[in-house]
PDB file of N, CA and C in Angstrom:
ATOM      1  N   MET A   1      42.359-117.448   6.036  1.00  0.00           N
ATOM      2  CA  MET A   1      43.178-119.328   6.029  1.00  0.00           C
ATOM      3  C   MET A   1      42.572-119.641   7.338  1.00  0.00           C
ATOM      4  N   LEU A   2      41.641-121.081   7.419  1.00  0.00           N
ATOM      5  CA  LEU A   2      41.161-121.932   8.105  1.00  0.00           C
ATOM      6  C   LEU A   2      42.407-122.455   9.275  1.00  0.00           C
ATOM      7  N   LYS A   3      42.681-122.369  10.689  1.00  0.00           N
ATOM      8  CA  LYS A   3      42.628-122.598  11.741  1.00  0.00           C
ATOM      9  C   LYS A   3      42.229-123.257  12.805  1.00  0.00           C
ATOM     10  N   ILE A   4      42.948-124.460  13.190  1.00  0.00           N
ATOM     11  CA  ILE A   4      42.388-125.295  14.087  1.00  0.00           C
ATOM     12  C   ILE A   4      43.485-125.483  15.382  1.00  0.00           C
ATOM     13  N   LYS A   5      42.624-125.187  16.533  1.00  0.00           N
ATOM     14  CA  LYS A   5      43.547-125.247  17.439  1.00  0.00           C
ATOM     15  C   LYS A   5      43.192-126.629  18.072  1.00  0.00           C
ATOM     16  N   GLU A   6      42.065-127.203  17.986  1.00  0.00           N
ATOM     17  CA  GLU A   6      42.073-128.749  19.064  1.00  0.00           C
ATOM     18  C   GLU A   6      41.099-129.286  18.282  1.00  0.00           C
ATOM     19  N   ILE A   7      41.242-130.878  17.845  1.00  0.00           N
ATOM     20  CA  ILE A   7      40.272-132.124  17.314  1.00  0.00           C
ATOM     21  C   ILE A   7      40.105-132.617  18.536  1.00  0.00           C
ATOM     22  N   ILE A   8      38.733-132.801  18.916  1.00  0.00           N
ATOM     23  CA  ILE A   8      37.993-134.225  19.516  1.00  0.00           C
ATOM     24  C   ILE A   8      37.372-134.769  19.100  1.00  0.00           C
ATOM     25  N   ARG A   9      37.269-136.167  19.708  1.00  0.00           N
ATOM     26  CA  ARG A   9      36.537-136.986  19.204  1.00  0.00           C
ATOM     27  C   ARG A   9      35.881-137.636  20.038  1.00  0.00           C
ATOM     28  N   PRO A  10      34.080-137.120  20.090  1.00  0.00           N
ATOM     29  CA  PRO A  10      33.562-137.281  21.047  1.00  0.00           C
ATOM     30  C   PRO A  10      33.207-139.165  21.216  1.00  0.00           C
ATOM     31  N   GLN A  11      32.616-139.014  22.430  1.00  0.00           N
ATOM     32  CA  GLN A  11      32.121-140.738  23.006  1.00  0.00           C
ATOM     33  C   GLN A  11      31.316-140.526  22.443  1.00  0.00           C
ATOM     34  N   SER A  12      29.934-140.149  22.421  1.00  0.00           N
ATOM     35  CA  SER A  12      28.704-140.003  22.379  1.00  0.00           C
ATOM     36  C   SER A  12      28.294-138.603  21.690  1.00  0.00           C
ATOM     37  N   LEU A  13      26.681-138.753  20.968  1.00  0.00           N
ATOM     38  CA  LEU A  13      26.323-137.635  20.237  1.00  0.00           C
ATOM     39  C   LEU A  13      25.576-136.929  21.032  1.00  0.00           C
ATOM     40  N   GLU A  14      25.595-137.258  21.971  1.00  0.00           N
ATOM     41  CA  GLU A  14      25.143-136.091  23.311  1.00  0.00           C
ATOM     42  C   GLU A  14      26.362-135.084  23.961  1.00  0.00           C
ATOM     43  N   GLU A  15      27.495-135.757  23.543  1.00  0.00           N
ATOM     44  CA  GLU A  15      28.632-134.524  23.839  1.00  0.00           C
ATOM     45  C   GLU A  15      29.299-133.748  22.664  1.00  0.00           C
ATOM     46  N   ALA A  16      29.057-134.717  21.392  1.00  0.00           N
ATOM     47  CA  ALA A  16      28.990-133.962  20.609  1.00  0.00           C
ATOM     48  C   ALA A  16      28.036-132.777  20.361  1.00  0.00           C
ATOM     49  N   TYR A  17      26.583-133.180  21.055  1.00  0.00           N
ATOM     50  CA  TYR A  17      26.205-131.812  20.583  1.00  0.00           C
ATOM     51  C   TYR A  17      26.506-130.507  22.065  1.00  0.00           C
ATOM     52  N   GLU A  18      26.639-131.206  22.365  1.00  0.00           N
ATOM     53  CA  GLU A  18      26.766-129.853  23.825  1.00  0.00           C
ATOM     54  C   GLU A  18      28.244-129.668  23.607  1.00  0.00           C
ATOM     55  N   LEU A  19      29.609-130.214  22.411  1.00  0.00           N
ATOM     56  CA  LEU A  19      30.608-128.965  21.944  1.00  0.00           C
ATOM     57  C   LEU A  19      30.389-128.313  21.219  1.00  0.00           C
ATOM     58  N   ASN A  20      28.903-128.956  19.876  1.00  0.00           N
ATOM     59  CA  ASN A  20      28.907-127.974  19.273  1.00  0.00           C
ATOM     60  C   ASN A  20      27.937-126.516  19.623  1.00  0.00           C
ATOM     61  N   GLN A  21      27.483-126.569  20.497  1.00  0.00           N
ATOM     62  CA  GLN A  21      26.904-125.028  20.986  1.00  0.00           C
ATOM     63  C   GLN A  21      27.639-124.029  21.210  1.00  0.00           C
ATOM     64  N   LYS A  22      28.901-124.455  21.286  1.00  0.00           N
ATOM     65  CA  LYS A  22      29.780-122.640  21.640  1.00  0.00           C
ATOM     66  C   LYS A  22      29.752-122.556  19.843  1.00  0.00           C
ATOM     67  N   ARG A  23      29.625-120.881  19.353  1.00  0.00           N
ATOM     68  CA  ARG A  23      29.875-120.558  18.108  1.00  0.00           C
ATOM     69  C   ARG A  23      31.468-120.767  17.419  1.00  0.00           C
ATOM     70  N   THR A  24      32.748-120.809  18.129  1.00  0.00           N
ATOM     71  CA  THR A  24      33.583-121.126  18.159  1.00  0.00           C
ATOM     72  C   THR A  24      34.183-122.420  17.700  1.00  0.00           C
ATOM     73  N   ASN A  25      33.204-123.660  18.024  1.00  0.00           N
ATOM     74  CA  ASN A  25      33.238-124.843  17.393  1.00  0.00           C
ATOM     75  C   ASN A  25      32.526-125.201  16.066  1.00  0.00           C
ATOM     76  N   ARG A  26      33.249-126.022  15.160  1.00  0.00           N
ATOM     77  CA  ARG A  26      32.791-126.611  14.384  1.00  0.00           C
ATOM     78  C   ARG A  26      33.174-128.484  14.226  1.00  0.00           C
ATOM     79  N   ILE A  27      31.717-128.972  13.436  1.00  0.00           N
ATOM     80  CA  ILE A  27      31.906-130.557  13.630  1.00  0.00           C
ATOM     81  C   ILE A  27      32.704-130.574  12.302  1.00  0.00           C
ATOM     82  N   LEU A  28      33.677-131.023  11.610  1.00  0.00           N
ATOM     83  CA  LEU A  28      34.314-131.862  10.819  1.00  0.00           C
ATOM     84  C   LEU A  28      33.349-132.377   9.849  1.00  0.00           C
ATOM     85  N   GLY A  29      33.499-131.871   8.385  1.00  0.00           N
ATOM     86  CA  GLY A  29      32.486-132.351   7.250  1.00  0.00           C
ATOM     87  C   GLY A  29      32.698-132.329   5.978  1.00  0.00           C
ATOM     88  N   GLY A  30      33.686-132.500   5.288  1.00  0.00           N
ATOM     89  CA  GLY A  30      33.563-131.930   3.695  1.00  0.00           C
ATOM     90  C   GLY A  30      34.693-130.619   3.534  1.00  0.00           C
ATOM     91  N   MET A  31      34.578-130.207   4.757  1.00  0.00           N
ATOM     92  CA  MET A  31      35.815-129.076   4.665  1.00  0.00           C
ATOM     93  C   MET A  31      35.810-128.029   3.810  1.00  0.00           C
ATOM     94  N   LEU A  32      34.969-128.453   2.010  1.00  0.00           N
ATOM     95  CA  LEU A  32      35.490-127.090   1.215  1.00  0.00           C
ATOM     96  C   LEU A  32      35.037-125.814   1.502  1.00  0.00           C
ATOM     97  N   TRP A  33      34.026-125.473   2.443  1.00  0.00           N
ATOM     98  CA  TRP A  33      33.947-124.218   2.332  1.00  0.00           C
ATOM     99  C   TRP A  33      34.794-123.544   3.264  1.00  0.00           C
ATOM    100  N   MET A  34      34.516-124.096   4.414  1.00  0.00           N
ATOM    101  CA  MET A  34      35.416-123.981   5.612  1.00  0.00           C
ATOM    102  C   MET A  34      37.209-123.617   5.207  1.00  0.00           C
ATOM    103  N   ARG A  35      37.936-124.382   4.277  1.00  0.00           N
ATOM    104  CA  ARG A  35      38.967-124.457   4.331  1.00  0.00           C
ATOM    105  C   ARG A  35      39.370-122.298   3.047  1.00  0.00           C
ATOM    106  N   MET A  36      38.166-122.567   2.794  1.00  0.00           N
ATOM    107  CA  MET A  36      38.164-120.914   1.929  1.00  0.00           C
ATOM    108  C   MET A  36      37.927-120.055   2.589  1.00  0.00           C
ATOM    109  N   SER A  37      37.505-120.117   3.943  1.00  0.00           N
ATOM    110  CA  SER A  37      37.223-119.014   4.733  1.00  0.00           C
ATOM    111  C   SER A  37      38.123-118.583   6.171  1.00  0.00           C
ATOM    112  N   ASN A  38      38.290-117.432   6.122  1.00  0.00           N
ATOM    113  CA  ASN A  38      39.308-117.201   7.120  1.00  0.00           C
ATOM    114  C   ASN A  38      38.776-116.811   8.475  1.00  0.00           C
ATOM    115  N   ILE A  39      38.302-118.304   9.100  1.00  0.00           N
ATOM    116  CA  ILE A  39      38.477-118.403  10.581  1.00  0.00           C
ATOM    117  C   ILE A  39      39.214-118.937  11.628  1.00  0.00           C
ATOM    118  N   GLN A  40      38.708-118.883  12.714  1.00  0.00           N
ATOM    119  CA  GLN A  40      39.910-119.578  13.675  1.00  0.00           C
ATOM    120  C   GLN A  40      38.431-120.314  14.900  1.00  0.00           C
ATOM    121  N   ILE A  41      38.956-122.004  14.641  1.00  0.00           N
ATOM    122  CA  ILE A  41      38.100-123.458  14.899  1.00  0.00           C
ATOM    123  C   ILE A  41      38.337-123.455  16.043  1.00  0.00           C
ATOM    124  N   GLN A  42      38.243-123.520  17.874  1.00  0.00           N
ATOM    125  CA  GLN A  42      38.148-123.320  18.671  1.00  0.00           C
ATOM    126  C   GLN A  42      39.085-125.369  18.817  1.00  0.00           C
ATOM    127  N   LYS A  43      37.378-125.932  18.328  1.00  0.00           N
ATOM    128  CA  LYS A  43      37.302-127.252  18.951  1.00  0.00           C
ATOM    129  C   LYS A  43      37.026-127.746  17.372  1.00  0.00           C
ATOM    130  N   ALA A  44      37.708-128.520  16.431  1.00  0.00           N
ATOM    131  CA  ALA A  44      37.016-129.331  15.404  1.00  0.00           C
ATOM    132  C   ALA A  44      36.866-130.678  16.236  1.00  0.00           C
ATOM    133  N   ILE A  45      34.936-130.859  15.687  1.00  0.00           N
ATOM    134  CA  ILE A  45      34.226-132.057  16.185  1.00  0.00           C
ATOM    135  C   ILE A  45      34.750-132.672  15.125  1.00  0.00           C
ATOM    136  N   ASP A  46      35.113-134.077  15.401  1.00  0.00           N
ATOM    137  CA  ASP A  46      35.312-135.445  14.782  1.00  0.00           C
ATOM    138  C   ASP A  46      34.372-136.578  14.829  1.00  0.00           C
ATOM    139  N   LEU A  47      33.427-136.404  14.317  1.00  0.00           N
ATOM    140  CA  LEU A  47      32.664-137.867  14.389  1.00  0.00           C
ATOM    141  C   LEU A  47      32.116-138.861  14.093  1.00  0.00           C
ATOM    142  N   SER A  48      33.659-139.285  13.158  1.00  0.00           N
ATOM    143  CA  SER A  48      34.277-140.308  12.757  1.00  0.00           C
ATOM    144  C   SER A  48      33.912-141.946  13.268  1.00  0.00           C
ATOM    145  N   GLY A  49      33.983-141.621  15.107  1.00  0.00           N
ATOM    146  CA  GLY A  49      34.148-142.766  15.869  1.00  0.00           C
ATOM    147  C   GLY A  49      32.605-143.312  16.265  1.00  0.00           C
ATOM    148  N   LEU A  50      31.526-142.283  16.320  1.00  0.00           N
ATOM    149  CA  LEU A  50      30.258-142.694  16.613  1.00  0.00           C
ATOM    150  C   LEU A  50      29.510-143.983  15.660  1.00  0.00           C
ATOM    151  N   GLY A  51      29.833-144.484  14.878  1.00  0.00           N
ATOM    152  CA  GLY A  51      29.171-145.689  14.051  1.00  0.00           C
ATOM    153  C   GLY A  51      28.157-144.833  13.283  1.00  0.00           C
ATOM    154  N   LEU A  52      28.509-143.348  12.781  1.00  0.00           N
ATOM    155  CA  LEU A  52      26.944-143.069  12.125  1.00  0.00           C
ATOM    156  C   LEU A  52      26.893-143.805  10.375  1.00  0.00           C
ATOM    157  N   ASN A  53      28.693-144.670  10.326  1.00  0.00           N
ATOM    158  CA  ASN A  53      28.363-145.139   9.113  1.00  0.00           C
ATOM    159  C   ASN A  53      28.288-146.324   8.819  1.00  0.00           C
ATOM    160  N   GLU A  54      26.924-146.450   9.507  1.00  0.00           N
ATOM    161  CA  GLU A  54      26.052-148.410   9.402  1.00  0.00           C
ATOM    162  C   GLU A  54      24.716-148.185   9.103  1.00  0.00           C
ATOM    163  N   VAL A  55      25.097-149.394   8.513  1.00  0.00           N
ATOM    164  CA  VAL A  55      23.389-149.827   7.936  1.00  0.00           C
ATOM    165  C   VAL A  55      22.977-151.107   8.207  1.00  0.00           C
ATOM    166  N   GLU A  56      21.690-150.795   9.608  1.00  0.00           N
ATOM    167  CA  GLU A  56      21.254-151.566   9.978  1.00  0.00           C
ATOM    168  C   GLU A  56      19.565-151.903   9.331  1.00  0.00           C
ATOM    169  N   GLU A  57      19.819-153.419   9.789  1.00  0.00           N
ATOM    170  CA  GLU A  57      18.428-154.240   9.290  1.00  0.00           C
ATOM    171  C   GLU A  57      17.467-154.217   9.980  1.00  0.00           C
ATOM    172  N   THR A  58      16.612-154.265   9.878  1.00  0.00           N
ATOM    173  CA  THR A  58      15.105-155.581  10.593  1.00  0.00           C
ATOM    174  C   THR A  58      14.191-155.392   9.722  1.00  0.00           C
ATOM    175  N   GLU A  59      13.430-156.883   9.909  1.00  0.00           N
ATOM    176  CA  GLU A  59      12.495-157.054   9.987  1.00  0.00           C
ATOM    177  C   GLU A  59      11.551-156.097   8.926  1.00  0.00           C
ATOM    178  N   GLU A  60      11.493-155.157   8.869  1.00  0.00           N
ATOM    179  CA  GLU A  60      10.378-153.756   8.697  1.00  0.00           C
ATOM    180  C   GLU A  60      11.226-152.976   7.849  1.00  0.00           C
ATOM    181  N   GLU A  61      12.327-152.570   8.087  1.00  0.00           N
ATOM    182  CA  GLU A  61      13.030-151.373   7.378  1.00  0.00           C
ATOM    183  C   GLU A  61      14.680-151.426   7.635  1.00  0.00           C
ATOM    184  N   PHE A  62      15.022-150.552   7.091  1.00  0.00           N
ATOM    185  CA  PHE A  62      16.697-150.302   6.943  1.00  0.00           C
ATOM    186  C   PHE A  62      16.858-149.507   7.717  1.00  0.00           C
ATOM    187  N   SER A  63      17.673-148.835   8.637  1.00  0.00           N
ATOM    188  CA  SER A  63      18.052-147.864   9.311  1.00  0.00           C
ATOM    189  C   SER A  63      19.693-147.494   8.864  1.00  0.00           C
ATOM    190  N   ILE A  64      19.887-146.402   8.148  1.00  0.00           N
ATOM    191  CA  ILE A  64      20.989-145.685   7.137  1.00  0.00           C
ATOM    192  C   ILE A  64      21.736-144.469   7.880  1.00  0.00           C
ATOM    193  N   GLY A  65      22.746-145.272   8.468  1.00  0.00           N
ATOM    194  CA  GLY A  65      23.691-144.231   9.155  1.00  0.00           C
ATOM    195  C   GLY A  65      23.930-142.581   7.952  1.00  0.00           C
ATOM    196  N   CYS A  66      24.062-141.706   8.719  1.00  0.00           N
ATOM    197  CA  CYS A  66      24.509-140.083   8.175  1.00  0.00           C
ATOM    198  C   CYS A  66      25.637-140.013   7.402  1.00  0.00           C
ATOM    199  N   MET A  67      26.702-141.011   7.683  1.00  0.00           N
ATOM    200  CA  MET A  67      27.891-141.013   7.206  1.00  0.00           C
ATOM    201  C   MET A  67      27.849-142.152   6.676  1.00  0.00           C
ATOM    202  N   VAL A  68      26.932-143.125   5.914  1.00  0.00           N
ATOM    203  CA  VAL A  68      27.660-144.041   4.826  1.00  0.00           C
ATOM    204  C   VAL A  68      27.482-143.154   3.844  1.00  0.00           C
ATOM    205  N   THR A  69      28.710-144.067   2.973  1.00  0.00           N
ATOM    206  CA  THR A  69      28.910-143.454   1.594  1.00  0.00           C
ATOM    207  C   THR A  69      27.828-144.338   0.571  1.00  0.00           C
ATOM    208  N   LEU A  70      27.995-143.838  -0.398  1.00  0.00           N
ATOM    209  CA  LEU A  70      26.745-144.339  -1.409  1.00  0.00           C
ATOM    210  C   LEU A  70      27.815-145.895  -2.006  1.00  0.00           C
ATOM    211  N   ARG A  71      29.173-145.810  -1.494  1.00  0.00           N
ATOM    212  CA  ARG A  71      29.773-146.715  -2.188  1.00  0.00           C
ATOM    213  C   ARG A  71      29.333-148.052  -1.574  1.00  0.00           C
ATOM    214  N   GLU A  72      29.283-147.690   0.293  1.00  0.00           N
ATOM    215  CA  GLU A  72      28.881-148.543   1.434  1.00  0.00           C
ATOM    216  C   GLU A  72      27.680-149.374   1.405  1.00  0.00           C
ATOM    217  N   LEU A  73      26.407-148.439   0.520  1.00  0.00           N
ATOM    218  CA  LEU A  73      25.547-148.676   0.795  1.00  0.00           C
ATOM    219  C   LEU A  73      25.309-149.506  -0.987  1.00  0.00           C
ATOM    220  N   GLU A  74      26.214-149.163  -1.555  1.00  0.00           N
ATOM    221  CA  GLU A  74      26.039-150.487  -3.088  1.00  0.00           C
ATOM    222  C   GLU A  74      26.256-151.841  -2.508  1.00  0.00           C
ATOM    223  N   LEU A  75      27.270-151.573  -1.710  1.00  0.00           N
ATOM    224  CA  LEU A  75      28.282-153.295  -1.456  1.00  0.00           C
ATOM    225  C   LEU A  75      27.583-153.664   0.310  1.00  0.00           C
ATOM    226  N   HIS A  76      26.535-153.379   0.459  1.00  0.00           N
ATOM    227  CA  HIS A  76      25.946-153.795   1.283  1.00  0.00           C
ATOM    228  C   HIS A  76      24.937-155.047   1.616  1.00  0.00           C
ATOM    229  N   GLU A  77      24.996-155.801   2.108  1.00  0.00           N
ATOM    230  CA  GLU A  77      24.919-158.114   1.820  1.00  0.00           C
ATOM    231  C   GLU A  77      23.372-157.568   1.173  1.00  0.00           C
ATOM    232  N   ALA A  78      22.245-156.961   2.015  1.00  0.00           N
ATOM    233  CA  ALA A  78      20.956-156.929   1.591  1.00  0.00           C
ATOM    234  C   ALA A  78      20.318-155.935   0.771  1.00  0.00           C
TER     235      ALA A  78
END
């Protein structure tokens, strides 16, 4: 059974990176395989507050964040 002791929402990608360096910490995402394993996580890292779900447009390119859903991409005005 998966056991999580603490959930942390970092304020920056740098902070998330530093937290993820410890082997007992994990980034939350998907969770399918994590739920099926028998592990204990000291700190679960929640990246949802870091703005990684944004689509930015410039004159030359689009920048698509790693947490943008297909639906958000479909509904983007550009």
